[in-house]
């Protein structure tokens, strides 16, 4: 009884080694075929790199699934787990997309410098119709804070999402006084 148990384990180990060896040989064969194809037709390096990487992942992924099936993991269970993880990751990505967009735009604003603190910026919709106009008083990772200009009373503060500066036309006046800059309607 003990020898039949060892025989089963040894057979399983040999099957796994055979699967991995065949996957390695198939990967080498595909790499050689792609190299010959490149020598004959001069394929773009980007295409060749993508093909090699994609086919390598496909062969090794298939070998991994075959090995897991030999060990006793059901391919259906494995596929369900992977597709569930991908679905949750996609939902999470879409849920935080606007935050990631604003973070990336903040990095671009701080590094590229389309405007600076103290500049007067005006976000223009279409046909010279301003959406918001004011002096930049703060730039953080999600919003740029603008102080709108008013002739009397406290100046209203507007927080503009950073990605809006890359979606609309922006007019910038370096260090100008917002009251002295005429608006598109001709008011001072």
Protein backbone atom coordinates (compact mmCIF):
# COMPACT_ATOMS: atom_id res chain seq x y z
CA UNK A 1 0.00 0.00 0.00
CA UNK A 2 2.83 2.36 0.83
CA UNK A 3 4.57 1.71 -2.49
CA UNK A 4 1.38 2.40 -4.47
CA UNK A 5 1.02 5.73 -2.65
CA UNK A 6 4.63 6.64 -3.51
CA UNK A 7 4.06 5.47 -7.06
CA UNK A 8 1.06 7.80 -7.38
CA UNK A 9 3.03 10.74 -6.00
CA UNK A 10 5.99 9.99 -8.24
CA UNK A 11 3.69 9.72 -11.27
CA UNK A 12 2.09 13.07 -10.38
CA UNK A 13 5.52 14.68 -10.02
CA UNK A 14 6.61 13.32 -13.38
CA UNK A 15 3.41 14.59 -15.03
CA UNK A 16 4.02 18.08 -13.60
CA UNK A 17 7.66 18.05 -14.77
CA UNK A 18 6.54 16.90 -18.23
CA UNK A 19 3.97 19.71 -18.45
CA UNK A 20 6.56 22.31 -17.44
CA UNK A 21 9.16 20.90 -19.84
CA UNK A 22 6.69 20.90 -22.74
CA UNK A 23 5.65 24.48 -21.92
CA UNK A 24 9.31 25.57 -21.88
CA UNK A 25 10.01 23.83 -25.19
CA UNK A 26 6.87 25.33 -26.76
CA UNK A 27 7.92 28.77 -25.58
CA UNK A 28 11.41 28.31 -27.10
CA UNK A 29 9.87 27.07 -30.36
CA UNK A 30 7.59 30.11 -30.56
CA UNK A 31 10.52 32.45 -29.82
CA UNK A 32 12.58 30.85 -32.62
CA UNK A 33 9.67 31.06 -35.04
CA UNK A 34 9.18 34.74 -34.25
CA UNK A 35 12.91 35.39 -34.68
CA UNK A 36 12.88 33.74 -38.11
CA UNK A 37 9.75 35.67 -39.03
CA UNK A 38 11.51 38.89 -37.98
CA UNK A 39 14.61 38.06 -40.03
CA UNK A 40 12.50 37.40 -43.09
CA UNK A 41 9.99 40.28 -42.90
CA UNK A 42 11.70 42.85 -40.61
CA UNK A 43 8.87 43.27 -38.12
CA UNK A 44 8.72 46.39 -35.94
CA UNK A 45 10.52 45.76 -32.62
CA UNK A 46 7.47 46.90 -30.61
CA UNK A 47 5.27 44.30 -32.30
CA UNK A 48 7.84 41.56 -31.83
CA UNK A 49 8.31 42.40 -28.15
CA UNK A 50 4.54 42.42 -27.54
CA UNK A 51 4.04 39.12 -29.39
CA UNK A 52 6.83 37.39 -27.51
CA UNK A 53 5.61 38.59 -24.14
CA UNK A 54 1.96 37.80 -24.83
CA UNK A 55 2.65 34.31 -26.14
CA UNK A 56 5.02 33.60 -23.23
CA UNK A 57 2.31 34.53 -20.73
CA UNK A 58 -0.25 32.46 -22.63
CA UNK A 59 1.94 29.34 -22.69
CA UNK A 60 3.06 29.63 -19.06
CA UNK A 61 -0.46 30.46 -17.87
CA UNK A 62 -1.83 27.42 -19.67
CA UNK A 63 0.90 25.25 -18.16
CA UNK A 64 0.11 26.61 -14.70
CA UNK A 65 -3.58 25.76 -15.13
CA UNK A 66 -2.68 22.24 -16.29
CA UNK A 67 -0.38 21.75 -13.28
CA UNK A 68 -3.06 22.99 -10.89
CA UNK A 69 -5.56 20.59 -12.45
CA UNK A 70 -3.09 17.72 -11.90
CA UNK A 71 -2.78 18.71 -8.24
CA UNK A 72 -6.56 18.75 -7.86
CA UNK A 73 -7.59 22.38 -8.29
CA UNK A 74 -10.58 22.65 -10.57
CA UNK A 75 -10.14 24.95 -13.57
CA UNK A 76 -13.72 26.16 -13.06
CA UNK A 77 -12.99 27.22 -9.49
CA UNK A 78 -9.76 28.87 -10.57
CA UNK A 79 -11.48 30.71 -13.44
CA UNK A 80 -14.26 31.86 -11.10
CA UNK A 81 -11.73 33.22 -8.61
CA UNK A 82 -9.74 35.05 -11.29
CA UNK A 83 -12.80 36.54 -12.98
CA UNK A 84 -14.20 37.62 -9.60
CA UNK A 85 -10.93 39.36 -8.76
CA UNK A 86 -10.86 41.10 -12.15
CA UNK A 87 -14.47 42.28 -11.72
CA UNK A 88 -13.76 43.71 -8.26
CA UNK A 89 -10.58 45.39 -9.53
CA UNK A 90 -12.46 46.95 -12.46
CA UNK A 91 -15.20 48.29 -10.18
CA UNK A 92 -12.61 49.70 -7.78
CA UNK A 93 -10.73 51.32 -10.66
CA UNK A 94 -13.86 53.05 -11.95
CA UNK A 95 -14.80 54.12 -8.43
CA UNK A 96 -11.53 55.94 -7.88
CA UNK A 97 -11.01 57.14 -11.47
CA UNK A 98 -11.90 60.78 -10.75
CA UNK A 99 -9.60 60.87 -7.73
CA UNK A 100 -6.74 59.36 -9.73
CA UNK A 101 -7.41 61.82 -12.55
CA UNK A 102 -7.23 64.78 -10.18
CA UNK A 103 -4.04 63.44 -8.56
CA UNK A 104 -2.33 63.01 -11.92
CA UNK A 105 -3.44 66.47 -13.04
CA UNK A 106 -2.11 67.96 -9.78
CA UNK A 107 1.27 66.42 -10.47
CA UNK A 108 1.17 67.86 -14.00
CA UNK A 109 0.16 71.31 -12.72
CA UNK A 110 2.98 71.30 -10.18
CA UNK A 111 5.65 70.00 -12.56
CA UNK A 112 4.70 71.59 -15.89
CA UNK A 113 3.48 74.84 -14.35
CA UNK A 114 0.65 76.05 -16.61
CA UNK A 115 -0.08 78.56 -13.80
CA UNK A 116 1.34 79.47 -10.41
CA UNK A 117 0.16 80.81 -7.10
CA UNK A 118 -0.92 84.42 -7.54
CA UNK A 119 -1.81 84.08 -11.22
CA UNK A 120 -5.30 84.94 -12.35
CA UNK A 121 -6.83 82.09 -14.32
CA UNK A 122 -10.08 81.92 -16.21
CA UNK A 123 -11.60 78.65 -17.33
CA UNK A 124 -13.48 79.24 -20.58
CA UNK A 125 -16.36 77.01 -21.68
CA UNK A 126 -17.21 77.79 -25.29
CA UNK A 127 -17.69 81.00 -27.24
CA UNK A 128 -15.69 83.03 -24.72
CA UNK A 129 -18.15 82.22 -21.93
CA UNK A 130 -16.14 82.01 -18.68
CA UNK A 131 -16.97 79.26 -16.24
CA UNK A 132 -14.88 80.59 -13.38
CA UNK A 133 -12.24 83.28 -12.96
CA UNK A 134 -10.03 84.10 -10.01
CA UNK A 135 -6.60 84.37 -8.43
CA UNK A 136 -4.88 81.06 -7.60
CA UNK A 137 -4.41 80.96 -3.83
CA UNK A 138 -3.74 77.22 -3.32
CA UNK A 139 -2.94 74.11 -5.33
CA UNK A 140 -3.40 70.77 -3.63
CA UNK A 141 -3.66 67.18 -4.85
CA UNK A 142 -7.39 67.31 -5.71
CA UNK A 143 -8.36 70.97 -6.15
CA UNK A 144 -6.98 74.31 -7.15
CA UNK A 145 -8.45 77.05 -4.98
CA UNK A 146 -9.34 80.32 -6.68
CA UNK A 147 -10.34 83.57 -5.04
CA UNK A 148 -12.92 85.28 -7.22
CA UNK A 149 -12.71 89.04 -7.55
CA UNK A 150 -15.49 91.23 -6.22
CA UNK A 151 -15.53 95.00 -5.84
CA UNK A 152 -16.93 94.99 -2.30
CA UNK A 153 -17.41 92.44 0.45
CA UNK A 154 -15.56 89.21 1.10
CA UNK A 155 -14.13 87.45 -1.95
CA UNK A 156 -15.75 84.09 -2.64
CA UNK A 157 -13.47 81.04 -2.73
CA UNK A 158 -13.94 78.44 -5.49
CA UNK A 159 -12.36 75.00 -5.50
CA UNK A 160 -11.87 73.73 -9.06
CA UNK A 161 -11.02 70.05 -9.67
CA UNK A 162 -7.53 69.83 -11.14
CA UNK A 163 -8.60 67.76 -14.14
CA UNK A 164 -10.87 70.59 -15.31
CA UNK A 165 -7.77 72.61 -16.22
CA UNK A 166 -6.90 69.95 -18.80
CA UNK A 167 -10.44 69.61 -20.18
CA UNK A 168 -11.26 73.26 -20.82
CA UNK A 169 -9.51 76.26 -22.31
CA UNK A 170 -7.65 78.20 -19.63
CA UNK A 171 -6.70 81.87 -19.89
CA UNK A 172 -3.85 82.90 -17.58
CA UNK A 173 -2.64 86.32 -16.49
CA UNK A 174 0.60 86.24 -14.51
CA UNK A 175 0.32 88.12 -11.25
CA UNK A 176 -2.37 90.49 -12.57
CA UNK A 177 -4.98 92.25 -10.48
CA UNK A 178 -8.28 90.44 -11.15
CA UNK A 179 -10.28 93.65 -10.85
CA UNK A 180 -8.30 95.33 -13.59
CA UNK A 181 -8.73 92.50 -16.09
CA UNK A 182 -11.79 92.93 -18.29
CA UNK A 183 -14.10 89.93 -18.51
CA UNK A 184 -15.42 88.63 -21.81
CA UNK A 185 -18.62 90.70 -21.41
CA UNK A 186 -16.59 93.89 -21.17
CA UNK A 187 -17.12 94.49 -17.42
CA UNK A 188 -14.25 95.64 -15.20
